[in-house]
Amino acid sequence: MESVLLDTPSGIGARLGWDPKMTEHDRKRTLARQLVAARLGIEEKAVRIQREAPAQFGFHTQLFAEVDEQELPFEIRTASFRAATVAAIADEGVKLGIDLRDSHPDDATLSEMRRHSHLFDEDNVPSLISHWTRVQAVREADGRGVRMKPEYVRLDLSKNKGWIPDRPVHYSLLDLSRDGWIITLAYQNEN
């Protein structure tokens, strides 16, 4: 699998990888393993990436990393679209979300974005995608995911901060787009 390191803030790591022959789950684990190994300065084969057991029906499982059968204190988030996957890691407790989209969405995806976005100019596709990936990254960082409707997410005018009004947490939003993929990272902002 080909992968590239993305430019992220200190304390957060992210990689984009693509391989149409590899399953989504294998891409997620491989990218997470690369990130953890680089963070710890160890060989990739020393890192084991596991998926937590589902707690209930519809539960969105997370990945966790182990070295020598000891769970590591990292938050791992992933997003996939077609043959591409992006993975991000941060220290335990950091609220983190990531979203990945193709820069040329199909009609069904555009329809869904328009239904929930409430932008003034819904025909401006680049703006619509930019808005949508930020909303999705905030929903992922919030932890409630699909239980929180996209229209509840608020973005500041510059689209550099996002939040959901019923919680006091604000997220910094960073565009990590690369190679025709629109990627947004949302991470906890103490300010």
C-alpha atoms as a PDB file:
ATOM      1  CA  MET A   1       0.000   0.000   0.000  1.00  0.00           C
ATOM      2  CA  GLU A   2       1.209   3.469  -0.812  1.00  0.00           C
ATOM      3  CA  SER A   3       0.866   5.978   2.024  1.00  0.00           C
ATOM      4  CA  VAL A   4       1.910   9.527   2.813  1.00  0.00           C
ATOM      5  CA  LEU A   5       2.350  11.376   6.064  1.00  0.00           C
ATOM      6  CA  LEU A   6       0.022  14.369   6.388  1.00  0.00           C
ATOM      7  CA  ASP A   7       1.014  17.707   7.905  1.00  0.00           C
ATOM      8  CA  THR A   8      -0.642  17.843  11.341  1.00  0.00           C
ATOM      9  CA  PRO A   9      -0.252  19.835  14.565  1.00  0.00           C
ATOM     10  CA  SER A  10       2.203  18.689  17.212  1.00  0.00           C
ATOM     11  CA  GLY A  11       0.947  15.656  19.136  1.00  0.00           C
ATOM     12  CA  ILE A  12      -1.254  14.405  16.288  1.00  0.00           C
ATOM     13  CA  GLY A  13      -0.171  12.140  13.452  1.00  0.00           C
ATOM     14  CA  ALA A  14      -2.060  11.274  10.269  1.00  0.00           C
ATOM     15  CA  ARG A  15      -1.408   9.197   7.162  1.00  0.00           C
ATOM     16  CA  LEU A  16      -3.327   8.779   3.907  1.00  0.00           C
ATOM     17  CA  GLY A  17      -3.062   5.429   2.149  1.00  0.00           C
ATOM     18  CA  TRP A  18      -4.593   3.858  -0.901  1.00  0.00           C
ATOM     19  CA  ASP A  19      -4.632   0.405  -2.423  1.00  0.00           C
ATOM     20  CA  PRO A  20      -7.640  -0.983  -4.298  1.00  0.00           C
ATOM     21  CA  LYS A  21      -6.440  -4.572  -3.687  1.00  0.00           C
ATOM     22  CA  MET A  22      -6.358  -4.189   0.100  1.00  0.00           C
ATOM     23  CA  THR A  23      -9.472  -4.348   2.279  1.00  0.00           C
ATOM     24  CA  GLU A  24     -10.584  -1.267   4.178  1.00  0.00           C
ATOM     25  CA  HIS A  25      -9.881  -2.980   7.514  1.00  0.00           C
ATOM     26  CA  ASP A  26      -6.352  -3.922   6.448  1.00  0.00           C
ATOM     27  CA  ARG A  27      -5.657  -0.357   5.263  1.00  0.00           C
ATOM     28  CA  LYS A  28      -6.865   1.049   8.611  1.00  0.00           C
ATOM     29  CA  ARG A  29      -4.676  -1.321  10.616  1.00  0.00           C
ATOM     30  CA  THR A  30      -1.622  -0.792   8.417  1.00  0.00           C
ATOM     31  CA  LEU A  31      -1.835   3.006   8.609  1.00  0.00           C
ATOM     32  CA  ALA A  32      -2.440   2.948  12.374  1.00  0.00           C
ATOM     33  CA  ARG A  33       0.525   0.587  12.827  1.00  0.00           C
ATOM     34  CA  GLN A  34       2.750   2.942  10.785  1.00  0.00           C
ATOM     35  CA  LEU A  35       1.688   5.935  12.887  1.00  0.00           C
ATOM     36  CA  VAL A  36       2.166   4.215  16.237  1.00  0.00           C
ATOM     37  CA  ALA A  37       5.545   2.740  15.260  1.00  0.00           C
ATOM     38  CA  ALA A  38       6.774   6.160  14.085  1.00  0.00           C
ATOM     39  CA  ARG A  39       5.520   7.854  17.269  1.00  0.00           C
ATOM     40  CA  LEU A  40       7.289   5.294  19.496  1.00  0.00           C
ATOM     41  CA  GLY A  41      10.384   4.895  17.297  1.00  0.00           C
ATOM     42  CA  ILE A  42       9.952   1.116  17.031  1.00  0.00           C
ATOM     43  CA  GLU A  43       9.533  -1.379  14.197  1.00  0.00           C
ATOM     44  CA  GLU A  44       6.047  -1.728  12.737  1.00  0.00           C
ATOM     45  CA  LYS A  45       5.982  -5.473  13.350  1.00  0.00           C
ATOM     46  CA  ALA A  46       6.196  -4.813  17.122  1.00  0.00           C
ATOM     47  CA  VAL A  47       2.826  -2.996  17.036  1.00  0.00           C
ATOM     48  CA  ARG A  48      -0.437  -4.908  17.113  1.00  0.00           C
ATOM     49  CA  ILE A  49      -3.594  -3.081  16.067  1.00  0.00           C
ATOM     50  CA  GLN A  50      -6.857  -4.472  17.440  1.00  0.00           C
ATOM     51  CA  ARG A  51     -10.491  -3.518  17.090  1.00  0.00           C
ATOM     52  CA  GLU A  52     -12.494  -3.096  20.270  1.00  0.00           C
ATOM     53  CA  ALA A  53     -15.436  -5.439  20.692  1.00  0.00           C
ATOM     54  CA  PRO A  54     -18.846  -3.917  19.886  1.00  0.00           C
ATOM     55  CA  ALA A  55     -20.688  -2.896  23.059  1.00  0.00           C
ATOM     56  CA  GLN A  56     -24.117  -3.057  21.408  1.00  0.00           C
ATOM     57  CA  PHE A  57     -25.810  -3.232  18.032  1.00  0.00           C
ATOM     58  CA  GLY A  58     -24.823  -0.274  15.880  1.00  0.00           C
ATOM     59  CA  PHE A  59     -21.810   0.537  18.067  1.00  0.00           C
ATOM     60  CA  HIS A  60     -18.989   2.087  16.031  1.00  0.00           C
ATOM     61  CA  THR A  61     -15.861   0.230  17.115  1.00  0.00           C
ATOM     62  CA  GLN A  62     -12.492   1.931  17.511  1.00  0.00           C
ATOM     63  CA  LEU A  63      -8.995   0.649  16.946  1.00  0.00           C
ATOM     64  CA  PHE A  64      -6.456   0.373  19.728  1.00  0.00           C
ATOM     65  CA  ALA A  65      -2.741  -0.392  19.682  1.00  0.00           C
ATOM     66  CA  GLU A  66      -0.708  -2.863  21.724  1.00  0.00           C
ATOM     67  CA  VAL A  67       3.013  -3.457  22.150  1.00  0.00           C
ATOM     68  CA  ASP A  68       4.086  -6.540  24.105  1.00  0.00           C
ATOM     69  CA  GLU A  69       0.406  -7.183  24.954  1.00  0.00           C
ATOM     70  CA  GLN A  70       0.116  -3.792  26.683  1.00  0.00           C
ATOM     71  CA  GLU A  71      -2.524  -1.386  25.400  1.00  0.00           C
ATOM     72  CA  LEU A  72      -1.048   1.988  24.426  1.00  0.00           C
ATOM     73  CA  PRO A  73      -2.584   5.324  25.460  1.00  0.00           C
ATOM     74  CA  PHE A  74      -3.496   6.585  21.976  1.00  0.00           C
ATOM     75  CA  GLU A  75      -6.727   7.681  20.365  1.00  0.00           C
ATOM     76  CA  ILE A  76      -6.958   6.222  16.850  1.00  0.00           C
ATOM     77  CA  ARG A  77      -9.493   7.445  14.311  1.00  0.00           C
ATOM     78  CA  THR A  78      -9.942   6.381  10.698  1.00  0.00           C
ATOM     79  CA  ALA A  79     -12.064   7.237   7.692  1.00  0.00           C
ATOM     80  CA  SER A  80     -12.286   5.464   4.343  1.00  0.00           C
ATOM     81  CA  PHE A  81     -13.699   6.208   0.953  1.00  0.00           C
ATOM     82  CA  ARG A  82     -13.408   3.729  -1.917  1.00  0.00           C
ATOM     83  CA  ALA A  83      -9.762   2.541  -2.061  1.00  0.00           C
ATOM     84  CA  ALA A  84      -8.413   5.297   0.205  1.00  0.00           C
ATOM     85  CA  THR A  85      -8.135   5.440   3.976  1.00  0.00           C
ATOM     86  CA  VAL A  86      -6.864   8.077   6.356  1.00  0.00           C
ATOM     87  CA  ALA A  87      -5.806   7.305   9.920  1.00  0.00           C
ATOM     88  CA  ALA A  88      -5.009   9.731  12.734  1.00  0.00           C
ATOM     89  CA  ILE A  89      -3.585   9.210  16.221  1.00  0.00           C
ATOM     90  CA  ALA A  90      -3.270  11.452  19.244  1.00  0.00           C
ATOM     91  CA  ASP A  91      -2.613  11.037  22.934  1.00  0.00           C
ATOM     92  CA  GLU A  92      -5.351   9.400  24.973  1.00  0.00           C
ATOM     93  CA  GLY A  93      -8.119  11.806  25.919  1.00  0.00           C
ATOM     94  CA  VAL A  94      -7.661  14.157  22.956  1.00  0.00           C
ATOM     95  CA  LYS A  95     -10.967  14.516  21.163  1.00  0.00           C
ATOM     96  CA  LEU A  96     -10.205  13.751  17.547  1.00  0.00           C
ATOM     97  CA  GLY A  97     -12.243  13.275  14.384  1.00  0.00           C
ATOM     98  CA  ILE A  98     -11.342  12.847  10.730  1.00  0.00           C
ATOM     99  CA  ASP A  99     -13.282  12.737   7.470  1.00  0.00           C
ATOM    100  CA  LEU A 100     -12.286  11.710   3.944  1.00  0.00           C
ATOM    101  CA  ARG A 101     -14.171  12.430   0.707  1.00  0.00           C
ATOM    102  CA  ASP A 102     -13.533  12.270  -3.014  1.00  0.00           C
ATOM    103  CA  SER A 103     -13.245  15.717  -4.585  1.00  0.00           C
ATOM    104  CA  HIS A 104     -15.786  14.599  -7.242  1.00  0.00           C
ATOM    105  CA  PRO A 105     -18.781  13.186  -5.325  1.00  0.00           C
ATOM    106  CA  ASP A 106     -21.543  11.286  -7.072  1.00  0.00           C
ATOM    107  CA  ASP A 107     -25.109  12.600  -7.313  1.00  0.00           C
ATOM    108  CA  ALA A 108     -26.386  10.633  -4.292  1.00  0.00           C
ATOM    109  CA  THR A 109     -23.628  12.033  -2.072  1.00  0.00           C
ATOM    110  CA  LEU A 110     -24.244  15.574  -3.319  1.00  0.00           C
ATOM    111  CA  SER A 111     -27.950  15.179  -2.612  1.00  0.00           C
ATOM    112  CA  GLU A 112     -27.243  14.090   0.971  1.00  0.00           C
ATOM    113  CA  MET A 113     -24.841  17.010   1.498  1.00  0.00           C
ATOM    114  CA  ARG A 114     -27.357  19.512   0.158  1.00  0.00           C
ATOM    115  CA  ARG A 115     -30.168  18.084   2.302  1.00  0.00           C
ATOM    116  CA  HIS A 116     -28.219  18.719   5.525  1.00  0.00           C
ATOM    117  CA  SER A 117     -25.875  21.611   4.759  1.00  0.00           C
ATOM    118  CA  HIS A 118     -28.177  24.642   4.564  1.00  0.00           C
ATOM    119  CA  LEU A 119     -25.557  26.657   2.681  1.00  0.00           C
ATOM    120  CA  PHE A 120     -26.618  29.695   0.682  1.00  0.00           C
ATOM    121  CA  ASP A 121     -25.024  28.427  -2.536  1.00  0.00           C
ATOM    122  CA  GLU A 122     -25.477  24.658  -2.638  1.00  0.00           C
ATOM    123  CA  ASP A 123     -24.355  24.568  -6.282  1.00  0.00           C
ATOM    124  CA  ASN A 124     -20.791  25.538  -5.313  1.00  0.00           C
ATOM    125  CA  VAL A 125     -19.549  21.941  -5.041  1.00  0.00           C
ATOM    126  CA  PRO A 126     -16.052  22.700  -3.651  1.00  0.00           C
ATOM    127  CA  SER A 127     -17.607  24.820  -0.882  1.00  0.00           C
ATOM    128  CA  LEU A 128     -20.249  22.173  -0.199  1.00  0.00           C
ATOM    129  CA  ILE A 129     -17.633  19.400   0.131  1.00  0.00           C
ATOM    130  CA  SER A 130     -15.432  21.590   2.329  1.00  0.00           C
ATOM    131  CA  HIS A 131     -18.390  22.318   4.599  1.00  0.00           C
ATOM    132  CA  TRP A 132     -19.523  18.691   4.695  1.00  0.00           C
ATOM    133  CA  THR A 133     -16.108  17.231   5.595  1.00  0.00           C
ATOM    134  CA  ARG A 134     -15.779  19.723   8.450  1.00  0.00           C
ATOM    135  CA  VAL A 135     -19.227  18.846   9.772  1.00  0.00           C
ATOM    136  CA  GLN A 136     -18.465  15.127   9.591  1.00  0.00           C
ATOM    137  CA  ALA A 137     -15.087  15.545  11.333  1.00  0.00           C
ATOM    138  CA  VAL A 138     -16.769  17.468  14.198  1.00  0.00           C
ATOM    139  CA  ARG A 139     -19.436  14.747  14.519  1.00  0.00           C
ATOM    140  CA  GLU A 140     -16.684  12.123  14.709  1.00  0.00           C
ATOM    141  CA  ALA A 141     -14.714  14.079  17.329  1.00  0.00           C
ATOM    142  CA  ASP A 142     -17.879  14.624  19.378  1.00  0.00           C
ATOM    143  CA  GLY A 143     -18.276  10.882  19.706  1.00  0.00           C
ATOM    144  CA  ARG A 144     -21.989  10.683  19.023  1.00  0.00           C
ATOM    145  CA  GLY A 145     -21.455  10.295  15.264  1.00  0.00           C
ATOM    146  CA  VAL A 146     -24.640   9.559  13.343  1.00  0.00           C
ATOM    147  CA  ARG A 147     -26.784  10.051  16.459  1.00  0.00           C
ATOM    148  CA  MET A 148     -26.051  13.793  16.091  1.00  0.00           C
ATOM    149  CA  LYS A 149     -27.727  15.325  13.047  1.00  0.00           C
ATOM    150  CA  PRO A 150     -25.313  17.162  10.715  1.00  0.00           C
ATOM    151  CA  GLU A 151     -27.401  20.336  10.829  1.00  0.00           C
ATOM    152  CA  TYR A 152     -26.672  20.673  14.574  1.00  0.00           C
ATOM    153  CA  VAL A 153     -22.954  21.227  13.911  1.00  0.00           C
ATOM    154  CA  ARG A 154     -21.888  24.870  13.870  1.00  0.00           C
ATOM    155  CA  LEU A 155     -18.843  26.278  12.065  1.00  0.00           C
ATOM    156  CA  ASP A 156     -17.366  29.730  12.438  1.00  0.00           C
ATOM    157  CA  LEU A 157     -17.277  31.937   9.317  1.00  0.00           C
ATOM    158  CA  SER A 158     -13.682  30.991   8.512  1.00  0.00           C
ATOM    159  CA  LYS A 159     -14.523  27.245   8.854  1.00  0.00           C
ATOM    160  CA  ASN A 160     -11.516  26.874  11.189  1.00  0.00           C
ATOM    161  CA  LYS A 161     -13.556  26.020  14.307  1.00  0.00           C
ATOM    162  CA  GLY A 162     -16.554  23.805  14.865  1.00  0.00           C
ATOM    163  CA  TRP A 163     -18.813  22.798  17.746  1.00  0.00           C
ATOM    164  CA  ILE A 164     -22.166  21.339  18.697  1.00  0.00           C
ATOM    165  CA  PRO A 165     -24.141  23.832  20.827  1.00  0.00           C
ATOM    166  CA  ASP A 166     -25.183  21.393  23.584  1.00  0.00           C
ATOM    167  CA  ARG A 167     -21.549  20.766  24.617  1.00  0.00           C
ATOM    168  CA  PRO A 168     -18.887  23.272  25.699  1.00  0.00           C
ATOM    169  CA  VAL A 169     -16.135  21.745  23.513  1.00  0.00           C
ATOM    170  CA  HIS A 170     -14.840  23.588  20.459  1.00  0.00           C
ATOM    171  CA  TYR A 171     -12.725  21.882  17.807  1.00  0.00           C
ATOM    172  CA  SER A 172     -10.011  23.304  15.613  1.00  0.00           C
ATOM    173  CA  LEU A 173     -10.512  22.268  11.995  1.00  0.00           C
ATOM    174  CA  LEU A 174      -7.593  21.614   9.692  1.00  0.00           C
ATOM    175  CA  ASP A 175      -7.695  20.885   5.972  1.00  0.00           C
ATOM    176  CA  LEU A 176      -5.331  17.977   5.184  1.00  0.00           C
ATOM    177  CA  SER A 177      -6.521  17.512   1.576  1.00  0.00           C
ATOM    178  CA  ARG A 178      -4.149  15.787  -0.786  1.00  0.00           C
ATOM    179  CA  ASP A 179      -4.072  14.018  -4.166  1.00  0.00           C
ATOM    180  CA  GLY A 180      -7.735  14.634  -5.036  1.00  0.00           C
ATOM    181  CA  TRP A 181      -8.963  13.622  -1.570  1.00  0.00           C
ATOM    182  CA  ILE A 182     -10.680  16.126   0.703  1.00  0.00           C
ATOM    183  CA  ILE A 183      -9.564  15.412   4.276  1.00  0.00           C
ATOM    184  CA  THR A 184     -10.544  17.346   7.389  1.00  0.00           C
ATOM    185  CA  LEU A 185      -9.160  16.855  10.877  1.00  0.00           C
ATOM    186  CA  ALA A 186     -11.110  18.080  13.934  1.00  0.00           C
ATOM    187  CA  TYR A 187      -9.282  18.158  17.237  1.00  0.00           C
ATOM    188  CA  GLN A 188      -9.983  19.440  20.698  1.00  0.00           C
ATOM    189  CA  ASN A 189      -9.318  23.134  21.132  1.00  0.00           C
ATOM    190  CA  GLU A 190      -8.927  24.351  24.720  1.00  0.00           C
ATOM    191  CA  ASN A 191      -9.309  28.011  23.746  1.00  0.00           C
END
